[in-house]
Amino acid sequence: MTIEVKQMIIKSTVVSGRTEQERVEHSEVDIEQLKEMVMEECKELIAESLSELQER
């Protein structure tokens, strides 16, 4: 199966005035929150899959 992308739009925001240390701390917090969200979704998907298998 082939997927063709004809146009890609990337939006970004440039922020000045922050030090590298502040950016690293901020991104670590976001990464941890993202990890938790992904883990919760994975758990839900696994539970749904197991439920569907048991129903069959």
N, C-alpha and C. Protein backbone atom coordinates (compact mmCIF):
# COMPACT_ATOMS: atom_id res chain seq x y z
N MET A 1 0.85 -1.17 0.00
CA MET A 1 0.00 0.00 0.00
C MET A 1 0.89 1.23 0.00
N THR A 2 0.63 2.13 -0.89
CA THR A 2 1.43 3.33 -1.01
C THR A 2 0.65 4.53 -0.48
N ILE A 3 1.34 5.36 0.28
CA ILE A 3 0.74 6.59 0.80
C ILE A 3 1.52 7.75 0.20
N GLU A 4 0.80 8.66 -0.41
CA GLU A 4 1.43 9.80 -1.05
C GLU A 4 1.07 11.06 -0.29
N VAL A 5 2.09 11.82 0.08
CA VAL A 5 1.87 13.10 0.77
C VAL A 5 2.20 14.20 -0.21
N LYS A 6 1.22 15.03 -0.52
CA LYS A 6 1.43 16.08 -1.50
C LYS A 6 1.81 17.41 -0.86
N GLN A 7 1.40 17.61 0.37
CA GLN A 7 1.70 18.88 1.02
C GLN A 7 1.84 18.65 2.52
N MET A 8 2.86 19.24 3.09
CA MET A 8 3.05 19.16 4.54
C MET A 8 3.23 20.59 5.05
N ILE A 9 2.47 20.93 6.07
CA ILE A 9 2.56 22.25 6.67
C ILE A 9 3.08 22.08 8.09
N ILE A 10 4.14 22.79 8.40
CA ILE A 10 4.72 22.72 9.73
C ILE A 10 4.58 24.10 10.36
N LYS A 11 3.94 24.14 11.51
CA LYS A 11 3.80 25.40 12.24
C LYS A 11 4.73 25.34 13.44
N SER A 12 5.44 26.42 13.68
CA SER A 12 6.34 26.46 14.82
C SER A 12 6.33 27.86 15.43
N THR A 13 6.77 27.90 16.67
CA THR A 13 6.85 29.17 17.38
C THR A 13 8.26 29.31 17.93
N VAL A 14 8.88 30.43 17.67
CA VAL A 14 10.22 30.69 18.17
C VAL A 14 10.08 31.54 19.42
N VAL A 15 10.67 31.07 20.52
CA VAL A 15 10.60 31.78 21.79
C VAL A 15 12.01 32.14 22.21
N SER A 16 12.22 33.39 22.52
CA SER A 16 13.54 33.81 22.96
C SER A 16 13.50 34.17 24.44
N GLY A 17 14.67 34.26 25.05
CA GLY A 17 14.74 34.68 26.43
C GLY A 17 14.84 33.54 27.42
N ARG A 18 14.74 32.31 26.97
CA ARG A 18 14.87 31.19 27.89
C ARG A 18 16.28 30.62 27.80
N THR A 19 16.76 30.15 28.92
CA THR A 19 18.06 29.49 28.90
C THR A 19 17.88 28.02 28.55
N GLU A 20 18.95 27.38 28.16
CA GLU A 20 18.90 25.96 27.79
C GLU A 20 18.43 25.12 28.97
N GLN A 21 18.85 25.48 30.17
CA GLN A 21 18.48 24.72 31.36
C GLN A 21 16.97 24.77 31.60
N GLU A 22 16.34 25.90 31.41
CA GLU A 22 14.90 26.01 31.59
C GLU A 22 14.16 25.17 30.57
N ARG A 23 14.61 25.14 29.34
CA ARG A 23 13.96 24.35 28.31
C ARG A 23 14.06 22.86 28.61
N VAL A 24 15.19 22.40 29.09
CA VAL A 24 15.36 20.98 29.39
C VAL A 24 14.42 20.56 30.51
N GLU A 25 14.33 21.36 31.57
CA GLU A 25 13.44 21.03 32.67
C GLU A 25 11.99 20.99 32.21
N HIS A 26 11.61 21.94 31.41
CA HIS A 26 10.22 22.00 30.92
C HIS A 26 9.92 20.80 30.05
N SER A 27 10.83 20.44 29.16
CA SER A 27 10.58 19.31 28.27
C SER A 27 10.55 17.99 29.04
N GLU A 28 11.34 17.85 30.11
CA GLU A 28 11.32 16.63 30.90
C GLU A 28 9.95 16.43 31.55
N VAL A 29 9.36 17.50 32.03
CA VAL A 29 8.03 17.41 32.64
C VAL A 29 7.03 16.97 31.58
N ASP A 30 7.09 17.55 30.40
CA ASP A 30 6.18 17.19 29.34
C ASP A 30 6.40 15.74 28.89
N ILE A 31 7.63 15.29 28.84
CA ILE A 31 7.93 13.92 28.44
C ILE A 31 7.35 12.94 29.45
N GLU A 32 7.49 13.23 30.71
CA GLU A 32 6.95 12.34 31.74
C GLU A 32 5.43 12.27 31.65
N GLN A 33 4.80 13.40 31.43
CA GLN A 33 3.34 13.43 31.30
C GLN A 33 2.92 12.65 30.05
N LEU A 34 3.66 12.82 28.98
CA LEU A 34 3.37 12.09 27.75
C LEU A 34 3.52 10.59 27.95
N LYS A 35 4.56 10.18 28.66
CA LYS A 35 4.76 8.75 28.95
C LYS A 35 3.56 8.18 29.69
N GLU A 36 3.09 8.92 30.69
CA GLU A 36 1.94 8.46 31.47
C GLU A 36 0.70 8.32 30.59
N MET A 37 0.48 9.29 29.72
CA MET A 37 -0.69 9.25 28.84
C MET A 37 -0.61 8.05 27.89
N VAL A 38 0.58 7.81 27.33
CA VAL A 38 0.75 6.70 26.40
C VAL A 38 0.54 5.37 27.13
N MET A 39 1.08 5.26 28.34
CA MET A 39 0.92 4.02 29.11
C MET A 39 -0.56 3.76 29.41
N GLU A 40 -1.29 4.79 29.78
CA GLU A 40 -2.72 4.62 30.07
C GLU A 40 -3.48 4.17 28.82
N GLU A 41 -3.17 4.77 27.68
CA GLU A 41 -3.84 4.37 26.45
C GLU A 41 -3.48 2.94 26.07
N CYS A 42 -2.23 2.56 26.25
CA CYS A 42 -1.81 1.18 25.96
C CYS A 42 -2.56 0.19 26.85
N LYS A 43 -2.68 0.52 28.12
CA LYS A 43 -3.39 -0.36 29.05
C LYS A 43 -4.85 -0.52 28.62
N GLU A 44 -5.47 0.59 28.21
CA GLU A 44 -6.86 0.53 27.76
C GLU A 44 -7.00 -0.33 26.51
N LEU A 45 -6.08 -0.16 25.55
CA LEU A 45 -6.13 -0.94 24.32
C LEU A 45 -5.93 -2.43 24.59
N ILE A 46 -5.02 -2.75 25.49
CA ILE A 46 -4.78 -4.15 25.83
C ILE A 46 -6.00 -4.74 26.51
N ALA A 47 -6.60 -3.99 27.43
CA ALA A 47 -7.80 -4.47 28.11
C ALA A 47 -8.94 -4.69 27.12
N GLU A 48 -9.11 -3.79 26.17
CA GLU A 48 -10.16 -3.95 25.15
C GLU A 48 -9.89 -5.18 24.29
N SER A 49 -8.64 -5.36 23.90
CA SER A 49 -8.29 -6.52 23.08
C SER A 49 -8.54 -7.83 23.81
N LEU A 50 -8.17 -7.88 25.08
CA LEU A 50 -8.39 -9.08 25.87
C LEU A 50 -9.90 -9.33 26.05
N SER A 51 -10.66 -8.28 26.26
CA SER A 51 -12.09 -8.40 26.41
C SER A 51 -12.73 -8.96 25.12
N GLU A 52 -12.31 -8.44 23.98
CA GLU A 52 -12.83 -8.91 22.69
C GLU A 52 -12.47 -10.39 22.46
N LEU A 53 -11.27 -10.76 22.86
CA LEU A 53 -10.85 -12.17 22.68
C LEU A 53 -11.68 -13.10 23.56
N GLN A 54 -11.99 -12.65 24.76
CA GLN A 54 -12.77 -13.49 25.67
C GLN A 54 -14.22 -13.60 25.20
N GLU A 55 -14.75 -12.57 24.53
CA GLU A 55 -16.12 -12.61 24.03
C GLU A 55 -16.26 -13.58 22.87
N ARG A 56 -15.20 -13.78 22.13
CA ARG A 56 -15.27 -14.68 20.96
C ARG A 56 -15.22 -16.06 21.42
